[in-house]
Amino acid sequence: SMWIITGTKKDGSLSKDLRCAINSSATVVIYM
């Protein structure tokens, strides 16, 4: 599986989903 995550949310911060994604074996893809 994979997680697709934005590195820059509307407020300029990194998505908190990354902390969830690293707990899986999924490929993590980060845009921006």
PDB file of all heavy atoms in Angstrom:
ATOM      1  N   SER A   1       0.848  -1.189   0.000  1.00  0.00           N
ATOM      2  CA  SER A   1       0.000   0.000   0.000  1.00  0.00           C
ATOM      3  C   SER A   1       0.886   1.243   0.000  1.00  0.00           C
ATOM      4  O   SER A   1       2.114   1.148   0.075  1.00  0.00           O
ATOM      5  CB  SER A   1      -0.913   0.028   1.234  1.00  0.00           C
ATOM      6  OG  SER A   1      -0.136   0.027   2.419  1.00  0.00           O
ATOM      7  N   MET A   2       0.247   2.408  -0.087  1.00  0.00           N
ATOM      8  CA  MET A   2       1.023   3.646  -0.030  1.00  0.00           C
ATOM      9  C   MET A   2       0.198   4.774   0.583  1.00  0.00           C
ATOM     10  O   MET A   2      -1.027   4.773   0.516  1.00  0.00           O
ATOM     11  CB  MET A   2       1.518   4.052  -1.418  1.00  0.00           C
ATOM     12  CG  MET A   2       0.443   4.215  -2.453  1.00  0.00           C
ATOM     13  SD  MET A   2       1.168   4.559  -4.067  1.00  0.00           S
ATOM     14  CE  MET A   2      -0.302   4.427  -5.098  1.00  0.00           C
ATOM     15  N   TRP A   3       0.920   5.706   1.179  1.00  0.00           N
ATOM     16  CA  TRP A   3       0.335   6.923   1.711  1.00  0.00           C
ATOM     17  C   TRP A   3       0.807   8.080   0.836  1.00  0.00           C
ATOM     18  O   TRP A   3       1.999   8.196   0.543  1.00  0.00           O
ATOM     19  CB  TRP A   3       0.792   7.185   3.144  1.00  0.00           C
ATOM     20  CG  TRP A   3       0.159   6.328   4.188  1.00  0.00           C
ATOM     21  CD1 TRP A   3       0.293   4.982   4.333  1.00  0.00           C
ATOM     22  CD2 TRP A   3      -0.682   6.769   5.259  1.00  0.00           C
ATOM     23  NE1 TRP A   3      -0.412   4.538   5.427  1.00  0.00           N
ATOM     24  CE2 TRP A   3      -1.023   5.624   6.021  1.00  0.00           C
ATOM     25  CE3 TRP A   3      -1.172   8.002   5.657  1.00  0.00           C
ATOM     26  CZ2 TRP A   3      -1.830   5.682   7.153  1.00  0.00           C
ATOM     27  CZ3 TRP A   3      -1.982   8.069   6.778  1.00  0.00           C
ATOM     28  CH2 TRP A   3      -2.309   6.922   7.512  1.00  0.00           C
ATOM     29  N   ILE A   4      -0.126   8.927   0.428  1.00  0.00           N
ATOM     30  CA  ILE A   4       0.213  10.111  -0.350  1.00  0.00           C
ATOM     31  C   ILE A   4      -0.060  11.315   0.536  1.00  0.00           C
ATOM     32  O   ILE A   4      -1.198  11.550   0.945  1.00  0.00           O
ATOM     33  CB  ILE A   4      -0.629  10.187  -1.641  1.00  0.00           C
ATOM     34  CG1 ILE A   4      -0.505   8.878  -2.422  1.00  0.00           C
ATOM     35  CG2 ILE A   4      -0.194  11.355  -2.498  1.00  0.00           C
ATOM     36  CD1 ILE A   4      -1.542   8.735  -3.513  1.00  0.00           C
ATOM     37  N   ILE A   5       0.970  12.066   0.843  1.00  0.00           N
ATOM     38  CA  ILE A   5       0.882  13.104   1.866  1.00  0.00           C
ATOM     39  C   ILE A   5       1.352  14.443   1.310  1.00  0.00           C
ATOM     40  O   ILE A   5       2.322  14.499   0.541  1.00  0.00           O
ATOM     41  CB  ILE A   5       1.745  12.709   3.084  1.00  0.00           C
ATOM     42  CG1 ILE A   5       1.185  11.443   3.739  1.00  0.00           C
ATOM     43  CG2 ILE A   5       1.851  13.841   4.100  1.00  0.00           C
ATOM     44  CD1 ILE A   5       2.073  10.850   4.794  1.00  0.00           C
ATOM     45  N   THR A   6       0.685  15.508   1.713  1.00  0.00           N
ATOM     46  CA  THR A   6       1.149  16.840   1.343  1.00  0.00           C
ATOM     47  C   THR A   6       2.140  17.354   2.384  1.00  0.00           C
ATOM     48  O   THR A   6       1.909  17.236   3.593  1.00  0.00           O
ATOM     49  CB  THR A   6      -0.016  17.842   1.205  1.00  0.00           C
ATOM     50  OG1 THR A   6       0.524  19.138   0.906  1.00  0.00           O
ATOM     51  CG2 THR A   6      -0.861  17.921   2.456  1.00  0.00           C
ATOM     52  N   GLY A   7       3.220  17.899   1.895  1.00  0.00           N
ATOM     53  CA  GLY A   7       4.213  18.478   2.801  1.00  0.00           C
ATOM     54  C   GLY A   7       3.868  19.890   3.202  1.00  0.00           C
ATOM     55  O   GLY A   7       4.509  20.469   4.081  1.00  0.00           O
ATOM     56  N   THR A   8       2.872  20.465   2.528  1.00  0.00           N
ATOM     57  CA  THR A   8       2.491  21.850   2.817  1.00  0.00           C
ATOM     58  C   THR A   8       0.977  21.981   2.819  1.00  0.00           C
ATOM     59  O   THR A   8       0.362  22.070   1.752  1.00  0.00           O
ATOM     60  CB  THR A   8       3.098  22.820   1.783  1.00  0.00           C
ATOM     61  OG1 THR A   8       4.512  22.589   1.677  1.00  0.00           O
ATOM     62  CG2 THR A   8       2.857  24.262   2.204  1.00  0.00           C
ATOM     63  N   LYS A   9       0.391  21.979   4.001  1.00  0.00           N
ATOM     64  CA  LYS A   9      -1.061  22.162   4.122  1.00  0.00           C
ATOM     65  C   LYS A   9      -1.417  23.630   3.893  1.00  0.00           C
ATOM     66  O   LYS A   9      -0.563  24.479   3.684  1.00  0.00           O
ATOM     67  CB  LYS A   9      -1.532  21.714   5.508  1.00  0.00           C
ATOM     68  CG  LYS A   9      -1.327  20.235   5.789  1.00  0.00           C
ATOM     69  CD  LYS A   9      -2.171  19.788   6.967  1.00  0.00           C
ATOM     70  CE  LYS A   9      -1.901  20.608   8.219  1.00  0.00           C
ATOM     71  NZ  LYS A   9      -2.737  20.176   9.360  1.00  0.00           N
ATOM     72  N   LYS A  10      -2.700  23.923   3.977  1.00  0.00           N
ATOM     73  CA  LYS A  10      -3.185  25.290   3.745  1.00  0.00           C
ATOM     74  C   LYS A  10      -2.508  26.287   4.675  1.00  0.00           C
ATOM     75  O   LYS A  10      -2.222  27.430   4.296  1.00  0.00           O
ATOM     76  CB  LYS A  10      -4.708  25.337   3.930  1.00  0.00           C
ATOM     77  CG  LYS A  10      -5.345  26.655   3.571  1.00  0.00           C
ATOM     78  CD  LYS A  10      -6.853  26.579   3.685  1.00  0.00           C
ATOM     79  CE  LYS A  10      -7.508  27.905   3.267  1.00  0.00           C
ATOM     80  NZ  LYS A  10      -8.984  27.842   3.361  1.00  0.00           N
ATOM     81  N   ASP A  11      -2.226  25.860   5.925  1.00  0.00           N
ATOM     82  CA  ASP A  11      -1.574  26.756   6.878  1.00  0.00           C
ATOM     83  C   ASP A  11      -0.049  26.704   6.799  1.00  0.00           C
ATOM     84  O   ASP A  11       0.645  27.312   7.611  1.00  0.00           O
ATOM     85  CB  ASP A  11      -2.035  26.444   8.303  1.00  0.00           C
ATOM     86  CG  ASP A  11      -1.643  25.027   8.751  1.00  0.00           C
ATOM     87  OD1 ASP A  11      -0.970  24.316   7.986  1.00  0.00           O
ATOM     88  OD2 ASP A  11      -2.028  24.645   9.876  1.00  0.00           O
ATOM     89  N   GLY A  12       0.474  25.946   5.808  1.00  0.00           N
ATOM     90  CA  GLY A  12       1.918  25.875   5.608  1.00  0.00           C
ATOM     91  C   GLY A  12       2.613  24.772   6.370  1.00  0.00           C
ATOM     92  O   GLY A  12       3.828  24.568   6.217  1.00  0.00           O
ATOM     93  N   SER A  13       1.887  24.027   7.183  1.00  0.00           N
ATOM     94  CA  SER A  13       2.504  22.976   7.998  1.00  0.00           C
ATOM     95  C   SER A  13       2.518  21.634   7.272  1.00  0.00           C
ATOM     96  O   SER A  13       1.787  21.421   6.306  1.00  0.00           O
ATOM     97  CB  SER A  13       1.743  22.824   9.322  1.00  0.00           C
ATOM     98  OG  SER A  13       0.422  22.349   9.090  1.00  0.00           O
ATOM     99  N   LEU A  14       3.372  20.751   7.765  1.00  0.00           N
ATOM    100  CA  LEU A  14       3.446  19.389   7.257  1.00  0.00           C
ATOM    101  C   LEU A  14       2.263  18.587   7.789  1.00  0.00           C
ATOM    102  O   LEU A  14       1.892  18.711   8.962  1.00  0.00           O
ATOM    103  CB  LEU A  14       4.757  18.746   7.719  1.00  0.00           C
ATOM    104  CG  LEU A  14       4.988  17.266   7.409  1.00  0.00           C
ATOM    105  CD1 LEU A  14       5.152  17.045   5.916  1.00  0.00           C
ATOM    106  CD2 LEU A  14       6.224  16.762   8.157  1.00  0.00           C
ATOM    107  N   SER A  15       1.663  17.747   6.928  1.00  0.00           N
ATOM    108  CA  SER A  15       0.511  16.958   7.353  1.00  0.00           C
ATOM    109  C   SER A  15       0.873  16.033   8.518  1.00  0.00           C
ATOM    110  O   SER A  15       1.900  15.352   8.500  1.00  0.00           O
ATOM    111  CB  SER A  15      -0.012  16.117   6.181  1.00  0.00           C
ATOM    112  OG  SER A  15      -1.011  15.229   6.621  1.00  0.00           O
ATOM    113  N   LYS A  16       0.001  16.012   9.517  1.00  0.00           N
ATOM    114  CA  LYS A  16       0.215  15.127  10.664  1.00  0.00           C
ATOM    115  C   LYS A  16       0.030  13.659  10.289  1.00  0.00           C
ATOM    116  O   LYS A  16       0.381  12.767  11.075  1.00  0.00           O
ATOM    117  CB  LYS A  16      -0.748  15.504  11.790  1.00  0.00           C
ATOM    118  CG  LYS A  16      -0.453  16.873  12.403  1.00  0.00           C
ATOM    119  CD  LYS A  16      -1.433  17.214  13.519  1.00  0.00           C
ATOM    120  CE  LYS A  16      -1.123  18.576  14.120  1.00  0.00           C
ATOM    121  NZ  LYS A  16      -2.083  18.948  15.193  1.00  0.00           N
ATOM    122  N   ASP A  17      -0.524  13.407   9.113  1.00  0.00           N
ATOM    123  CA  ASP A  17      -0.708  12.022   8.666  1.00  0.00           C
ATOM    124  C   ASP A  17       0.617  11.282   8.541  1.00  0.00           C
ATOM    125  O   ASP A  17       0.643  10.050   8.571  1.00  0.00           O
ATOM    126  CB  ASP A  17      -1.433  11.985   7.318  1.00  0.00           C
ATOM    127  CG  ASP A  17      -2.923  12.261   7.453  1.00  0.00           C
ATOM    128  OD1 ASP A  17      -3.409  12.324   8.605  1.00  0.00           O
ATOM    129  OD2 ASP A  17      -3.594  12.423   6.425  1.00  0.00           O
ATOM    130  N   LEU A  18       1.712  12.026   8.398  1.00  0.00           N
ATOM    131  CA  LEU A  18       3.005  11.357   8.262  1.00  0.00           C
ATOM    132  C   LEU A  18       3.309  10.506   9.492  1.00  0.00           C
ATOM    133  O   LEU A  18       3.847   9.401   9.368  1.00  0.00           O
ATOM    134  CB  LEU A  18       4.122  12.384   8.044  1.00  0.00           C
ATOM    135  CG  LEU A  18       5.529  11.806   7.893  1.00  0.00           C
ATOM    136  CD1 LEU A  18       5.605  10.830   6.717  1.00  0.00           C
ATOM    137  CD2 LEU A  18       6.564  12.916   7.723  1.00  0.00           C
ATOM    138  N   ARG A  19       2.951  10.974  10.661  1.00  0.00           N
ATOM    139  CA  ARG A  19       3.220  10.212  11.888  1.00  0.00           C
ATOM    140  C   ARG A  19       2.406   8.920  11.928  1.00  0.00           C
ATOM    141  O   ARG A  19       2.822   7.942  12.539  1.00  0.00           O
ATOM    142  CB  ARG A  19       2.925  11.074  13.120  1.00  0.00           C
ATOM    143  CG  ARG A  19       3.849  12.280  13.228  1.00  0.00           C
ATOM    144  CD  ARG A  19       3.651  13.052  14.523  1.00  0.00           C
ATOM    145  NE  ARG A  19       4.480  14.239  14.568  1.00  0.00           N
ATOM    146  CZ  ARG A  19       5.757  14.244  14.968  1.00  0.00           C
ATOM    147  NH1 ARG A  19       6.329  13.124  15.368  1.00  0.00           N
ATOM    148  NH2 ARG A  19       6.446  15.369  14.979  1.00  0.00           N
ATOM    149  N   CYS A  20       1.251   8.931  11.265  1.00  0.00           N
ATOM    150  CA  CYS A  20       0.454   7.701  11.163  1.00  0.00           C
ATOM    151  C   CYS A  20       1.062   6.781  10.111  1.00  0.00           C
ATOM    152  O   CYS A  20       1.158   5.567  10.314  1.00  0.00           O
ATOM    153  CB  CYS A  20      -0.982   8.034  10.772  1.00  0.00           C
ATOM    154  SG  CYS A  20      -1.857   9.079  11.944  1.00  0.00           S
ATOM    155  N   ALA A  21       1.492   7.361   9.017  1.00  0.00           N
ATOM    156  CA  ALA A  21       1.993   6.567   7.900  1.00  0.00           C
ATOM    157  C   ALA A  21       3.230   5.760   8.262  1.00  0.00           C
ATOM    158  O   ALA A  21       3.395   4.619   7.823  1.00  0.00           O
ATOM    159  CB  ALA A  21       2.300   7.481   6.713  1.00  0.00           C
ATOM    160  N   ILE A  22       4.109   6.330   9.090  1.00  0.00           N
ATOM    161  CA  ILE A  22       5.360   5.633   9.386  1.00  0.00           C
ATOM    162  C   ILE A  22       5.146   4.415  10.281  1.00  0.00           C
ATOM    163  O   ILE A  22       6.062   3.601  10.451  1.00  0.00           O
ATOM    164  CB  ILE A  22       6.403   6.577  10.028  1.00  0.00           C
ATOM    165  CG1 ILE A  22       5.905   7.087  11.373  1.00  0.00           C
ATOM    166  CG2 ILE A  22       6.709   7.728   9.090  1.00  0.00           C
ATOM    167  CD1 ILE A  22       6.942   7.957  12.096  1.00  0.00           C
ATOM    168  N   ASN A  23       3.943   4.279  10.835  1.00  0.00           N
ATOM    169  CA  ASN A  23       3.635   3.104  11.643  1.00  0.00           C
ATOM    170  C   ASN A  23       3.181   1.918  10.809  1.00  0.00           C
ATOM    171  O   ASN A  23       2.862   0.862  11.328  1.00  0.00           O
ATOM    172  CB  ASN A  23       2.557   3.448  12.676  1.00  0.00           C
ATOM    173  CG  ASN A  23       3.066   4.393  13.746  1.00  0.00           C
ATOM    174  OD1 ASN A  23       4.180   4.229  14.235  1.00  0.00           O
ATOM    175  ND2 ASN A  23       2.265   5.394  14.103  1.00  0.00           N
ATOM    176  N   SER A  24       3.144   2.110   9.480  1.00  0.00           N
ATOM    177  CA  SER A  24       2.745   1.031   8.582  1.00  0.00           C
ATOM    178  C   SER A  24       3.932   0.630   7.708  1.00  0.00           C
ATOM    179  O   SER A  24       4.990   1.241   7.759  1.00  0.00           O
ATOM    180  CB  SER A  24       1.588   1.494   7.688  1.00  0.00           C
ATOM    181  OG  SER A  24       2.047   2.409   6.717  1.00  0.00           O
ATOM    182  N   SER A  25       3.718  -0.409   6.893  1.00  0.00           N
ATOM    183  CA  SER A  25       4.771  -0.825   5.957  1.00  0.00           C
ATOM    184  C   SER A  25       4.584  -0.179   4.591  1.00  0.00           C
ATOM    185  O   SER A  25       5.257  -0.534   3.631  1.00  0.00           O
ATOM    186  CB  SER A  25       4.744  -2.355   5.804  1.00  0.00           C
ATOM    187  OG  SER A  25       3.480  -2.776   5.279  1.00  0.00           O
ATOM    188  N   ALA A  26       3.673   0.773   4.527  1.00  0.00           N
ATOM    189  CA  ALA A  26       3.338   1.403   3.250  1.00  0.00           C
ATOM    190  C   ALA A  26       4.470   2.284   2.728  1.00  0.00           C
ATOM    191  O   ALA A  26       5.272   2.826   3.494  1.00  0.00           O
ATOM    192  CB  ALA A  26       2.074   2.250   3.407  1.00  0.00           C
ATOM    193  N   THR A  27       4.504   2.435   1.415  1.00  0.00           N
ATOM    194  CA  THR A  27       5.373   3.424   0.792  1.00  0.00           C
ATOM    195  C   THR A  27       4.790   4.797   1.104  1.00  0.00           C
ATOM    196  O   THR A  27       3.584   5.006   1.007  1.00  0.00           O
ATOM    197  CB  THR A  27       5.405   3.232  -0.732  1.00  0.00           C
ATOM    198  OG1 THR A  27       5.851   1.906  -1.027  1.00  0.00           O
ATOM    199  CG2 THR A  27       6.319   4.247  -1.401  1.00  0.00           C
ATOM    200  N   VAL A  28       5.640   5.727   1.484  1.00  0.00           N
ATOM    201  CA  VAL A  28       5.198   7.089   1.771  1.00  0.00           C
ATOM    202  C   VAL A  28       5.676   8.009   0.643  1.00  0.00           C
ATOM    203  O   VAL A  28       6.875   8.056   0.333  1.00  0.00           O
ATOM    204  CB  VAL A  28       5.741   7.586   3.125  1.00  0.00           C
ATOM    205  CG1 VAL A  28       5.375   9.054   3.347  1.00  0.00           C
ATOM    206  CG2 VAL A  28       5.200   6.722   4.259  1.00  0.00           C
ATOM    207  N   VAL A  29       4.738   8.709   0.025  1.00  0.00           N
ATOM    208  CA  VAL A  29       5.055   9.665  -1.035  1.00  0.00           C
ATOM    209  C   VAL A  29       4.651  11.044  -0.543  1.00  0.00           C
ATOM    210  O   VAL A  29       3.503  11.262  -0.149  1.00  0.00           O
ATOM    211  CB  VAL A  29       4.296   9.342  -2.338  1.00  0.00           C
ATOM    212  CG1 VAL A  29       4.657  10.338  -3.430  1.00  0.00           C
ATOM    213  CG2 VAL A  29       4.593   7.920  -2.793  1.00  0.00           C
ATOM    214  N   ILE A  30       5.596  11.966  -0.539  1.00  0.00           N
ATOM    215  CA  ILE A  30       5.336  13.307  -0.029  1.00  0.00           C
ATOM    216  C   ILE A  30       5.461  14.325  -1.155  1.00  0.00           C
ATOM    217  O   ILE A  30       6.512  14.443  -1.791  1.00  0.00           O
ATOM    218  CB  ILE A  30       6.291  13.675   1.123  1.00  0.00           C
ATOM    219  CG1 ILE A  30       6.201  12.626   2.241  1.00  0.00           C
ATOM    220  CG2 ILE A  30       5.976  15.065   1.664  1.00  0.00           C
ATOM    221  CD1 ILE A  30       7.217  12.817   3.350  1.00  0.00           C
ATOM    222  N   TYR A  31       4.378  15.037  -1.402  1.00  0.00           N
ATOM    223  CA  TYR A  31       4.372  16.150  -2.353  1.00  0.00           C
ATOM    224  C   TYR A  31       4.692  17.442  -1.603  1.00  0.00           C
ATOM    225  O   TYR A  31       4.355  17.595  -0.427  1.00  0.00           O
ATOM    226  CB  TYR A  31       2.983  16.315  -2.965  1.00  0.00           C
ATOM    227  CG  TYR A  31       2.584  15.330  -4.030  1.00  0.00           C
ATOM    228  CD1 TYR A  31       2.306  13.998  -3.713  1.00  0.00           C
ATOM    229  CD2 TYR A  31       2.447  15.728  -5.354  1.00  0.00           C
ATOM    230  CE1 TYR A  31       1.901  13.101  -4.683  1.00  0.00           C
ATOM    231  CE2 TYR A  31       2.039  14.836  -6.340  1.00  0.00           C
ATOM    232  CZ  TYR A  31       1.765  13.522  -6.001  1.00  0.00           C
ATOM    233  OH  TYR A  31       1.362  12.642  -6.962  1.00  0.00           O
ATOM    234  N   MET A  32       5.294  18.382  -2.282  1.00  0.00           N
ATOM    235  CA  MET A  32       5.512  19.731  -1.741  1.00  0.00           C
ATOM    236  C   MET A  32       6.182  19.690  -0.367  1.00  0.00           C
ATOM    237  O   MET A  32       5.797  20.432   0.548  1.00  0.00           O
ATOM    238  CB  MET A  32       4.173  20.491  -1.676  1.00  0.00           C
ATOM    239  CG  MET A  32       3.496  20.637  -3.025  1.00  0.00           C
ATOM    240  SD  MET A  32       1.841  21.355  -2.943  1.00  0.00           S
ATOM    241  CE  MET A  32       0.909  19.984  -2.225  1.00  0.00           C
TER     242      MET A  32
END
